[in-house]
All heavy atoms as atom14 arrays in JSON, in Angstrom:
{
  "sequence": "RVADRQVQIMLRGETGTGKEIFARAIHSASRRSASPFVAVNCAAIPE",
  "atom14_mask": [
    [1, 1, 1, 1, 1, 1, 1, 1, 1, 1, 1, 0, 0, 0],
    [1, 1, 1, 1, 1, 1, 1, 0, 0, 0, 0, 0, 0, 0],
    [1, 1, 1, 1, 1, 0, 0, 0, 0, 0, 0, 0, 0, 0],
    [1, 1, 1, 1, 1, 1, 1, 1, 0, 0, 0, 0, 0, 0],
    [1, 1, 1, 1, 1, 1, 1, 1, 1, 1, 1, 0, 0, 0],
    [1, 1, 1, 1, 1, 1, 1, 1, 1, 0, 0, 0, 0, 0],
    [1, 1, 1, 1, 1, 1, 1, 0, 0, 0, 0, 0, 0, 0],
    [1, 1, 1, 1, 1, 1, 1, 1, 1, 0, 0, 0, 0, 0],
    [1, 1, 1, 1, 1, 1, 1, 1, 0, 0, 0, 0, 0, 0],
    [1, 1, 1, 1, 1, 1, 1, 1, 0, 0, 0, 0, 0, 0],
    [1, 1, 1, 1, 1, 1, 1, 1, 0, 0, 0, 0, 0, 0],
    [1, 1, 1, 1, 1, 1, 1, 1, 1, 1, 1, 0, 0, 0],
    [1, 1, 1, 1, 0, 0, 0, 0, 0, 0, 0, 0, 0, 0],
    [1, 1, 1, 1, 1, 1, 1, 1, 1, 0, 0, 0, 0, 0],
    [1, 1, 1, 1, 1, 1, 1, 0, 0, 0, 0, 0, 0, 0],
    [1, 1, 1, 1, 0, 0, 0, 0, 0, 0, 0, 0, 0, 0],
    [1, 1, 1, 1, 1, 1, 1, 0, 0, 0, 0, 0, 0, 0],
    [1, 1, 1, 1, 0, 0, 0, 0, 0, 0, 0, 0, 0, 0],
    [1, 1, 1, 1, 1, 1, 1, 1, 1, 0, 0, 0, 0, 0],
    [1, 1, 1, 1, 1, 1, 1, 1, 1, 0, 0, 0, 0, 0],
    [1, 1, 1, 1, 1, 1, 1, 1, 0, 0, 0, 0, 0, 0],
    [1, 1, 1, 1, 1, 1, 1, 1, 1, 1, 1, 0, 0, 0],
    [1, 1, 1, 1, 1, 0, 0, 0, 0, 0, 0, 0, 0, 0],
    [1, 1, 1, 1, 1, 1, 1, 1, 1, 1, 1, 0, 0, 0],
    [1, 1, 1, 1, 1, 0, 0, 0, 0, 0, 0, 0, 0, 0],
    [1, 1, 1, 1, 1, 1, 1, 1, 0, 0, 0, 0, 0, 0],
    [1, 1, 1, 1, 1, 1, 1, 1, 1, 1, 0, 0, 0, 0],
    [1, 1, 1, 1, 1, 1, 0, 0, 0, 0, 0, 0, 0, 0],
    [1, 1, 1, 1, 1, 0, 0, 0, 0, 0, 0, 0, 0, 0],
    [1, 1, 1, 1, 1, 1, 0, 0, 0, 0, 0, 0, 0, 0],
    [1, 1, 1, 1, 1, 1, 1, 1, 1, 1, 1, 0, 0, 0],
    [1, 1, 1, 1, 1, 1, 1, 1, 1, 1, 1, 0, 0, 0],
    [1, 1, 1, 1, 1, 1, 0, 0, 0, 0, 0, 0, 0, 0],
    [1, 1, 1, 1, 1, 0, 0, 0, 0, 0, 0, 0, 0, 0],
    [1, 1, 1, 1, 1, 1, 0, 0, 0, 0, 0, 0, 0, 0],
    [1, 1, 1, 1, 1, 1, 1, 0, 0, 0, 0, 0, 0, 0],
    [1, 1, 1, 1, 1, 1, 1, 1, 1, 1, 1, 0, 0, 0],
    [1, 1, 1, 1, 1, 1, 1, 0, 0, 0, 0, 0, 0, 0],
    [1, 1, 1, 1, 1, 0, 0, 0, 0, 0, 0, 0, 0, 0],
    [1, 1, 1, 1, 1, 1, 1, 0, 0, 0, 0, 0, 0, 0],
    [1, 1, 1, 1, 1, 1, 1, 1, 0, 0, 0, 0, 0, 0],
    [1, 1, 1, 1, 1, 1, 0, 0, 0, 0, 0, 0, 0, 0],
    [1, 1, 1, 1, 1, 0, 0, 0, 0, 0, 0, 0, 0, 0],
    [1, 1, 1, 1, 1, 0, 0, 0, 0, 0, 0, 0, 0, 0],
    [1, 1, 1, 1, 1, 1, 1, 1, 0, 0, 0, 0, 0, 0],
    [1, 1, 1, 1, 1, 1, 1, 0, 0, 0, 0, 0, 0, 0],
    [1, 1, 1, 1, 1, 1, 1, 1, 1, 0, 0, 0, 0, 0]
  ],
  "atom14_positions": [
    [[-174.86, 160.53, 61.3], [-175.1, 161.31, 62.5], [-174.11, 162.46, 62.67], [-174.45, 163.48, 63.29], [-175.05, 160.39, 63.72], [-176.22, 159.41, 63.75], [-176.18, 158.52, 64.97], [-177.33, 157.62, 65.02], [-177.55, 156.73, 65.98], [-176.67, 156.6, 66.96], [-178.62, 155.97, 65.94], [0.0, 0.0, 0.0], [0.0, 0.0, 0.0], [0.0, 0.0, 0.0]],
    [[-172.9, 162.3, 62.17], [-171.88, 163.34, 62.41], [-171.64, 164.23, 61.19], [-170.88, 165.2, 61.26], [-170.54, 162.72, 62.86], [-170.75, 161.88, 64.11], [-169.9, 161.89, 61.75], [0.0, 0.0, 0.0], [0.0, 0.0, 0.0], [0.0, 0.0, 0.0], [0.0, 0.0, 0.0], [0.0, 0.0, 0.0], [0.0, 0.0, 0.0], [0.0, 0.0, 0.0]],
    [[-172.27, 163.92, 60.06], [-171.97, 164.62, 58.8], [-172.13, 166.13, 58.93], [-171.36, 166.89, 58.33], [-172.85, 164.08, 57.68], [0.0, 0.0, 0.0], [0.0, 0.0, 0.0], [0.0, 0.0, 0.0], [0.0, 0.0, 0.0], [0.0, 0.0, 0.0], [0.0, 0.0, 0.0], [0.0, 0.0, 0.0], [0.0, 0.0, 0.0], [0.0, 0.0, 0.0]],
    [[-173.11, 166.59, 59.7], [-173.37, 168.03, 59.82], [-173.08, 168.55, 61.23], [-173.61, 169.59, 61.64], [-174.81, 168.34, 59.43], [-175.07, 168.19, 57.94], [-174.22, 168.66, 57.16], [-176.08, 167.57, 57.58], [0.0, 0.0, 0.0], [0.0, 0.0, 0.0], [0.0, 0.0, 0.0], [0.0, 0.0, 0.0], [0.0, 0.0, 0.0], [0.0, 0.0, 0.0]],
    [[-172.2, 167.83, 61.96], [-171.94, 168.21, 63.35], [-170.54, 168.78, 63.55], [-170.08, 168.88, 64.69], [-172.14, 166.99, 64.26], [-173.54, 166.41, 64.24], [-174.53, 167.3, 64.93], [-175.86, 166.67, 65.05], [-176.27, 166.01, 66.11], [-175.48, 165.88, 67.17], [-177.48, 165.47, 66.12], [0.0, 0.0, 0.0], [0.0, 0.0, 0.0], [0.0, 0.0, 0.0]],
    [[-169.84, 169.12, 62.5], [-168.47, 169.64, 62.61], [-167.55, 168.66, 63.35], [-166.63, 169.05, 64.06], [-168.45, 171.0, 63.31], [-168.97, 172.15, 62.47], [-168.12, 172.39, 61.24], [-166.91, 172.59, 61.33], [-168.73, 172.37, 60.07], [0.0, 0.0, 0.0], [0.0, 0.0, 0.0], [0.0, 0.0, 0.0], [0.0, 0.0, 0.0], [0.0, 0.0, 0.0]],
    [[-167.82, 167.37, 63.17], [-166.95, 166.33, 63.72], [-166.0, 165.87, 62.61], [-166.45, 165.5, 61.53], [-167.77, 165.13, 64.24], [-166.86, 163.99, 64.69], [-168.68, 165.57, 65.38], [0.0, 0.0, 0.0], [0.0, 0.0, 0.0], [0.0, 0.0, 0.0], [0.0, 0.0, 0.0], [0.0, 0.0, 0.0], [0.0, 0.0, 0.0], [0.0, 0.0, 0.0]],
    [[-164.7, 165.94, 62.89], [-163.72, 165.54, 61.88], [-163.7, 164.01, 61.77], [-163.56, 163.3, 62.76], [-162.32, 166.05, 62.26], [-162.24, 167.54, 62.48], [-162.5, 168.33, 61.2], [-162.35, 167.81, 60.11], [-162.92, 169.56, 61.34], [0.0, 0.0, 0.0], [0.0, 0.0, 0.0], [0.0, 0.0, 0.0], [0.0, 0.0, 0.0], [0.0, 0.0, 0.0]],
    [[-163.86, 163.52, 60.55], [-163.93, 162.08, 60.3], [-162.62, 161.59, 59.71], [-162.09, 162.19, 58.77], [-165.08, 161.76, 59.33], [-166.42, 162.22, 59.93], [-165.13, 160.27, 59.01], [-167.58, 162.1, 58.95], [0.0, 0.0, 0.0], [0.0, 0.0, 0.0], [0.0, 0.0, 0.0], [0.0, 0.0, 0.0], [0.0, 0.0, 0.0], [0.0, 0.0, 0.0]],
    [[-162.09, 160.52, 60.28], [-160.91, 159.87, 59.71], [-161.31, 158.48, 59.25], [-161.89, 157.7, 60.01], [-159.79, 159.77, 60.75], [-158.53, 159.11, 60.2], [-157.16, 159.07, 61.39], [-156.73, 160.82, 61.46], [0.0, 0.0, 0.0], [0.0, 0.0, 0.0], [0.0, 0.0, 0.0], [0.0, 0.0, 0.0], [0.0, 0.0, 0.0], [0.0, 0.0, 0.0]],
    [[-161.02, 158.18, 57.98], [-161.33, 156.88, 57.4], [-160.06, 156.03, 57.35], [-159.03, 156.48, 56.86], [-161.9, 157.04, 56.0], [-163.15, 157.91, 55.87], [-163.57, 158.02, 54.4], [-164.29, 157.36, 56.71], [0.0, 0.0, 0.0], [0.0, 0.0, 0.0], [0.0, 0.0, 0.0], [0.0, 0.0, 0.0], [0.0, 0.0, 0.0], [0.0, 0.0, 0.0]],
    [[-160.15, 154.83, 57.88], [-159.03, 153.9, 57.84], [-159.41, 152.69, 57.02], [-160.57, 152.27, 57.01], [-158.62, 153.46, 59.25], [-157.76, 154.46, 60.0], [-156.91, 153.75, 61.04], [-155.99, 152.83, 60.42], [-155.32, 151.89, 61.08], [-155.5, 151.75, 62.38], [-154.49, 151.08, 60.47], [0.0, 0.0, 0.0], [0.0, 0.0, 0.0], [0.0, 0.0, 0.0]],
    [[-158.44, 152.12, 56.36], [-158.72, 150.92, 55.58], [-157.57, 150.63, 54.65], [-156.77, 151.51, 54.31], [0.0, 0.0, 0.0], [0.0, 0.0, 0.0], [0.0, 0.0, 0.0], [0.0, 0.0, 0.0], [0.0, 0.0, 0.0], [0.0, 0.0, 0.0], [0.0, 0.0, 0.0], [0.0, 0.0, 0.0], [0.0, 0.0, 0.0], [0.0, 0.0, 0.0]],
    [[-157.49, 149.39, 54.21], [-156.44, 149.0, 53.28], [-156.61, 149.76, 51.95], [-157.69, 150.29, 51.65], [-156.51, 147.5, 53.01], [-156.22, 146.64, 54.22], [-156.38, 145.16, 53.91], [-156.52, 144.81, 52.71], [-156.37, 144.36, 54.85], [0.0, 0.0, 0.0], [0.0, 0.0, 0.0], [0.0, 0.0, 0.0], [0.0, 0.0, 0.0], [0.0, 0.0, 0.0]],
    [[-155.57, 149.77, 51.17], [-155.64, 150.37, 49.85], [-156.72, 149.67, 49.03], [-156.8, 148.45, 48.99], [-154.28, 150.23, 49.14], [-153.31, 150.98, 49.87], [-154.35, 150.75, 47.72], [0.0, 0.0, 0.0], [0.0, 0.0, 0.0], [0.0, 0.0, 0.0], [0.0, 0.0, 0.0], [0.0, 0.0, 0.0], [0.0, 0.0, 0.0], [0.0, 0.0, 0.0]],
    [[-157.57, 150.48, 48.4], [-158.59, 149.92, 47.52], [-159.92, 149.63, 48.18], [-160.82, 149.07, 47.53], [0.0, 0.0, 0.0], [0.0, 0.0, 0.0], [0.0, 0.0, 0.0], [0.0, 0.0, 0.0], [0.0, 0.0, 0.0], [0.0, 0.0, 0.0], [0.0, 0.0, 0.0], [0.0, 0.0, 0.0], [0.0, 0.0, 0.0], [0.0, 0.0, 0.0]],
    [[-160.1, 149.98, 49.47], [-161.36, 149.66, 50.15], [-162.45, 150.69, 49.9], [-163.57, 150.54, 50.4], [-161.13, 149.52, 51.67], [-160.39, 150.65, 52.15], [-160.37, 148.25, 51.98], [0.0, 0.0, 0.0], [0.0, 0.0, 0.0], [0.0, 0.0, 0.0], [0.0, 0.0, 0.0], [0.0, 0.0, 0.0], [0.0, 0.0, 0.0], [0.0, 0.0, 0.0]],
    [[-162.18, 151.74, 49.15], [-163.21, 152.7, 48.77], [-163.34, 153.88, 49.71], [-164.43, 154.42, 49.92], [0.0, 0.0, 0.0], [0.0, 0.0, 0.0], [0.0, 0.0, 0.0], [0.0, 0.0, 0.0], [0.0, 0.0, 0.0], [0.0, 0.0, 0.0], [0.0, 0.0, 0.0], [0.0, 0.0, 0.0], [0.0, 0.0, 0.0], [0.0, 0.0, 0.0]],
    [[-162.2, 154.35, 50.24], [-162.25, 155.45, 51.2], [-162.74, 156.74, 50.55], [-163.52, 157.49, 51.14], [-160.86, 155.64, 51.83], [-160.42, 154.44, 52.69], [-159.12, 154.68, 53.41], [-157.91, 154.67, 52.51], [-157.63, 153.33, 51.93], [0.0, 0.0, 0.0], [0.0, 0.0, 0.0], [0.0, 0.0, 0.0], [0.0, 0.0, 0.0], [0.0, 0.0, 0.0]],
    [[-162.29, 157.03, 49.33], [-162.75, 158.26, 48.69], [-164.22, 158.18, 48.31], [-164.96, 159.17, 48.44], [-161.91, 158.58, 47.44], [-162.35, 159.89, 46.8], [-161.5, 160.32, 45.62], [-160.37, 159.83, 45.49], [-162.0, 161.14, 44.82], [0.0, 0.0, 0.0], [0.0, 0.0, 0.0], [0.0, 0.0, 0.0], [0.0, 0.0, 0.0], [0.0, 0.0, 0.0]],
    [[-164.67, 157.02, 47.88], [-166.09, 156.86, 47.56], [-166.94, 157.13, 48.8], [-167.98, 157.8, 48.74], [-166.36, 155.43, 47.03], [-165.57, 155.19, 45.74], [-167.85, 155.22, 46.78], [-165.64, 153.76, 45.25], [0.0, 0.0, 0.0], [0.0, 0.0, 0.0], [0.0, 0.0, 0.0], [0.0, 0.0, 0.0], [0.0, 0.0, 0.0], [0.0, 0.0, 0.0]],
    [[-166.49, 156.61, 49.95], [-167.22, 156.81, 51.19], [-167.22, 158.28, 51.58], [-168.23, 158.83, 52.02], [-166.6, 155.96, 52.3], [-167.49, 155.75, 53.49], [-168.38, 154.69, 53.54], [-167.47, 156.63, 54.56], [-169.22, 154.5, 54.63], [-168.3, 156.46, 55.66], [-169.18, 155.38, 55.69], [0.0, 0.0, 0.0], [0.0, 0.0, 0.0], [0.0, 0.0, 0.0]],
    [[-166.06, 158.95, 51.41], [-165.97, 160.38, 51.74], [-166.92, 161.19, 50.86], [-167.57, 162.14, 51.33], [-164.53, 160.86, 51.57], [0.0, 0.0, 0.0], [0.0, 0.0, 0.0], [0.0, 0.0, 0.0], [0.0, 0.0, 0.0], [0.0, 0.0, 0.0], [0.0, 0.0, 0.0], [0.0, 0.0, 0.0], [0.0, 0.0, 0.0], [0.0, 0.0, 0.0]],
    [[-167.02, 160.84, 49.58], [-167.95, 161.55, 48.69], [-169.4, 161.35, 49.14], [-170.22, 162.26, 49.05], [-167.77, 161.07, 47.25], [-166.48, 161.54, 46.59], [-166.42, 161.11, 45.14], [-165.16, 161.53, 44.53], [-164.94, 162.74, 44.02], [-165.89, 163.65, 44.05], [-163.77, 163.02, 43.48], [0.0, 0.0, 0.0], [0.0, 0.0, 0.0], [0.0, 0.0, 0.0]],
    [[-169.7, 160.14, 49.61], [-171.05, 159.87, 50.08], [-171.38, 160.71, 51.31], [-172.5, 161.22, 51.45], [-171.22, 158.38, 50.38], [0.0, 0.0, 0.0], [0.0, 0.0, 0.0], [0.0, 0.0, 0.0], [0.0, 0.0, 0.0], [0.0, 0.0, 0.0], [0.0, 0.0, 0.0], [0.0, 0.0, 0.0], [0.0, 0.0, 0.0], [0.0, 0.0, 0.0]],
    [[-170.41, 160.87, 52.21], [-170.61, 161.72, 53.38], [-170.89, 163.15, 52.94], [-171.81, 163.82, 53.44], [-169.37, 161.68, 54.31], [-169.18, 160.27, 54.87], [-169.51, 162.68, 55.44], [-167.88, 160.1, 55.64], [0.0, 0.0, 0.0], [0.0, 0.0, 0.0], [0.0, 0.0, 0.0], [0.0, 0.0, 0.0], [0.0, 0.0, 0.0], [0.0, 0.0, 0.0]],
    [[-170.08, 163.64, 52.01], [-170.27, 164.99, 51.49], [-171.66, 165.15, 50.87], [-172.36, 166.15, 51.12], [-169.19, 165.29, 50.45], [-169.37, 166.58, 49.71], [-169.13, 167.81, 50.28], [-169.8, 166.83, 48.44], [-169.39, 168.76, 49.4], [-169.8, 168.19, 48.28], [0.0, 0.0, 0.0], [0.0, 0.0, 0.0], [0.0, 0.0, 0.0], [0.0, 0.0, 0.0]],
    [[-172.07, 164.18, 50.07], [-173.36, 164.26, 49.38], [-174.53, 164.23, 50.36], [-175.59, 164.78, 50.06], [-173.49, 163.11, 48.38], [-172.49, 163.2, 47.38], [0.0, 0.0, 0.0], [0.0, 0.0, 0.0], [0.0, 0.0, 0.0], [0.0, 0.0, 0.0], [0.0, 0.0, 0.0], [0.0, 0.0, 0.0], [0.0, 0.0, 0.0], [0.0, 0.0, 0.0]],
    [[-174.34, 163.58, 51.52], [-175.43, 163.48, 52.5], [-175.45, 164.66, 53.46], [-176.36, 164.74, 54.3], [-175.27, 162.18, 53.29], [0.0, 0.0, 0.0], [0.0, 0.0, 0.0], [0.0, 0.0, 0.0], [0.0, 0.0, 0.0], [0.0, 0.0, 0.0], [0.0, 0.0, 0.0], [0.0, 0.0, 0.0], [0.0, 0.0, 0.0], [0.0, 0.0, 0.0]],
    [[-174.5, 165.57, 53.34], [-174.41, 166.7, 54.27], [-175.03, 167.95, 53.68], [-175.39, 168.0, 52.49], [-172.94, 166.97, 54.62], [-172.27, 167.58, 53.52], [0.0, 0.0, 0.0], [0.0, 0.0, 0.0], [0.0, 0.0, 0.0], [0.0, 0.0, 0.0], [0.0, 0.0, 0.0], [0.0, 0.0, 0.0], [0.0, 0.0, 0.0], [0.0, 0.0, 0.0]],
    [[-175.14, 168.99, 54.5], [-175.66, 170.27, 54.01], [-174.66, 170.97, 53.1], [-175.0, 172.0, 52.49], [-175.99, 171.17, 55.21], [-177.2, 170.7, 56.02], [-177.69, 171.79, 56.95], [-176.72, 172.06, 58.02], [-176.78, 171.51, 59.23], [-177.74, 170.64, 59.52], [-175.89, 171.82, 60.14], [0.0, 0.0, 0.0], [0.0, 0.0, 0.0], [0.0, 0.0, 0.0]],
    [[-173.47, 170.43, 52.99], [-172.43, 171.02, 52.13], [-172.45, 170.46, 50.71], [-171.57, 170.78, 49.91], [-171.05, 170.77, 52.76], [-170.85, 171.46, 54.09], [-169.54, 171.02, 54.75], [-169.26, 171.8, 55.95], [-168.5, 172.89, 55.98], [-167.93, 173.32, 54.86], [-168.32, 173.55, 57.1], [0.0, 0.0, 0.0], [0.0, 0.0, 0.0], [0.0, 0.0, 0.0]],
    [[-173.4, 169.62, 50.39], [-173.38, 168.88, 49.13], [-173.4, 169.77, 47.9], [-172.9, 169.38, 46.84], [-174.56, 167.91, 49.08], [-175.79, 168.61, 49.2], [0.0, 0.0, 0.0], [0.0, 0.0, 0.0], [0.0, 0.0, 0.0], [0.0, 0.0, 0.0], [0.0, 0.0, 0.0], [0.0, 0.0, 0.0], [0.0, 0.0, 0.0], [0.0, 0.0, 0.0]],
    [[-173.95, 170.98, 48.01], [-174.0, 171.88, 46.86], [-172.67, 172.59, 46.61], [-172.47, 173.22, 45.58], [-175.09, 172.92, 47.05], [0.0, 0.0, 0.0], [0.0, 0.0, 0.0], [0.0, 0.0, 0.0], [0.0, 0.0, 0.0], [0.0, 0.0, 0.0], [0.0, 0.0, 0.0], [0.0, 0.0, 0.0], [0.0, 0.0, 0.0], [0.0, 0.0, 0.0]],
    [[-171.73, 172.47, 47.57], [-170.41, 173.12, 47.45], [-169.39, 172.07, 47.03], [-169.66, 170.87, 47.04], [-170.04, 173.77, 48.79], [-170.96, 174.79, 49.11], [0.0, 0.0, 0.0], [0.0, 0.0, 0.0], [0.0, 0.0, 0.0], [0.0, 0.0, 0.0], [0.0, 0.0, 0.0], [0.0, 0.0, 0.0], [0.0, 0.0, 0.0], [0.0, 0.0, 0.0]],
    [[-168.17, 172.51, 46.69], [-167.19, 171.58, 46.1], [-166.73, 170.48, 47.06], [-166.62, 170.68, 48.27], [-166.01, 172.5, 45.75], [-166.57, 173.87, 45.69], [-167.69, 173.91, 46.69], [0.0, 0.0, 0.0], [0.0, 0.0, 0.0], [0.0, 0.0, 0.0], [0.0, 0.0, 0.0], [0.0, 0.0, 0.0], [0.0, 0.0, 0.0], [0.0, 0.0, 0.0]],
    [[-166.48, 169.31, 46.47], [-165.74, 168.23, 47.14], [-164.37, 168.21, 46.48], [-164.24, 167.94, 45.29], [-166.45, 166.89, 46.94], [-165.7, 165.71, 47.54], [-165.96, 165.28, 48.83], [-164.74, 165.03, 46.8], [-165.28, 164.2, 49.38], [-164.06, 163.95, 47.33], [-164.33, 163.53, 48.63], [0.0, 0.0, 0.0], [0.0, 0.0, 0.0], [0.0, 0.0, 0.0]],
    [[-163.33, 168.54, 47.24], [-161.97, 168.66, 46.7], [-161.09, 167.57, 47.3], [-160.92, 167.51, 48.52], [-161.37, 170.05, 46.99], [-159.95, 170.14, 46.44], [-162.24, 171.14, 46.39], [0.0, 0.0, 0.0], [0.0, 0.0, 0.0], [0.0, 0.0, 0.0], [0.0, 0.0, 0.0], [0.0, 0.0, 0.0], [0.0, 0.0, 0.0], [0.0, 0.0, 0.0]],
    [[-160.57, 166.7, 46.46], [-159.75, 165.58, 46.93], [-158.29, 165.84, 46.67], [-157.91, 166.3, 45.58], [-160.19, 164.29, 46.23], [0.0, 0.0, 0.0], [0.0, 0.0, 0.0], [0.0, 0.0, 0.0], [0.0, 0.0, 0.0], [0.0, 0.0, 0.0], [0.0, 0.0, 0.0], [0.0, 0.0, 0.0], [0.0, 0.0, 0.0], [0.0, 0.0, 0.0]],
    [[-157.46, 165.55, 47.65], [-156.0, 165.71, 47.53], [-155.36, 164.41, 48.02], [-155.59, 163.99, 49.15], [-155.48, 166.88, 48.39], [-153.96, 166.99, 48.26], [-156.14, 168.19, 47.98], [0.0, 0.0, 0.0], [0.0, 0.0, 0.0], [0.0, 0.0, 0.0], [0.0, 0.0, 0.0], [0.0, 0.0, 0.0], [0.0, 0.0, 0.0], [0.0, 0.0, 0.0]],
    [[-154.57, 163.79, 47.15], [-153.81, 162.6, 47.56], [-152.43, 163.07, 48.01], [-151.58, 163.43, 47.2], [-153.69, 161.61, 46.41], [-153.09, 160.28, 46.86], [-152.15, 160.24, 47.66], [-153.63, 159.2, 46.36], [0.0, 0.0, 0.0], [0.0, 0.0, 0.0], [0.0, 0.0, 0.0], [0.0, 0.0, 0.0], [0.0, 0.0, 0.0], [0.0, 0.0, 0.0]],
    [[-152.19, 163.07, 49.31], [-150.95, 163.61, 49.86], [-149.73, 162.78, 49.46], [-148.6, 163.26, 49.52], [-151.03, 163.67, 51.39], [-152.36, 164.73, 52.0], [0.0, 0.0, 0.0], [0.0, 0.0, 0.0], [0.0, 0.0, 0.0], [0.0, 0.0, 0.0], [0.0, 0.0, 0.0], [0.0, 0.0, 0.0], [0.0, 0.0, 0.0], [0.0, 0.0, 0.0]],
    [[-149.95, 161.53, 49.04], [-148.83, 160.68, 48.64], [-148.5, 160.84, 47.16], [-147.4, 160.49, 46.74], [-149.16, 159.21, 48.93], [0.0, 0.0, 0.0], [0.0, 0.0, 0.0], [0.0, 0.0, 0.0], [0.0, 0.0, 0.0], [0.0, 0.0, 0.0], [0.0, 0.0, 0.0], [0.0, 0.0, 0.0], [0.0, 0.0, 0.0], [0.0, 0.0, 0.0]],
    [[-149.44, 161.36, 46.37], [-149.24, 161.43, 44.92], [-148.61, 162.73, 44.47], [-148.08, 162.82, 43.36], [-150.58, 161.22, 44.2], [0.0, 0.0, 0.0], [0.0, 0.0, 0.0], [0.0, 0.0, 0.0], [0.0, 0.0, 0.0], [0.0, 0.0, 0.0], [0.0, 0.0, 0.0], [0.0, 0.0, 0.0], [0.0, 0.0, 0.0], [0.0, 0.0, 0.0]],
    [[-148.67, 163.78, 45.3], [-148.12, 165.08, 44.92], [-146.69, 165.18, 45.42], [-146.43, 164.91, 46.6], [-148.96, 166.23, 45.5], [-150.42, 166.11, 45.05], [-148.4, 167.59, 45.09], [-151.34, 167.13, 45.69], [0.0, 0.0, 0.0], [0.0, 0.0, 0.0], [0.0, 0.0, 0.0], [0.0, 0.0, 0.0], [0.0, 0.0, 0.0], [0.0, 0.0, 0.0]],
    [[-145.73, 165.54, 44.56], [-144.34, 165.69, 45.02], [-144.25, 166.64, 46.21], [-144.98, 167.63, 46.29], [-143.62, 166.25, 43.79], [-144.45, 165.82, 42.64], [-145.87, 165.82, 43.13], [0.0, 0.0, 0.0], [0.0, 0.0, 0.0], [0.0, 0.0, 0.0], [0.0, 0.0, 0.0], [0.0, 0.0, 0.0], [0.0, 0.0, 0.0], [0.0, 0.0, 0.0]],
    [[-143.34, 166.35, 47.12], [-143.21, 167.15, 48.33], [-142.95, 168.62, 48.02], [-143.4, 169.5, 48.75], [-142.08, 166.58, 49.2], [-142.01, 167.19, 50.58], [-141.08, 166.43, 51.5], [-140.97, 165.2, 51.35], [-140.45, 167.06, 52.36], [0.0, 0.0, 0.0], [0.0, 0.0, 0.0], [0.0, 0.0, 0.0], [0.0, 0.0, 0.0], [0.0, 0.0, 0.0]]
  ]
}
């Protein structure tokens, strides 16, 4: 319902629960699916 409504989505869950997979599914179901999905792990990149 919110995928194309400019509502910012925050996913919470323990490590390994599939948050990125879910985010990709949201992207694929939106009108933005033909444009890039760019993932950044803020904990993995040195400060």
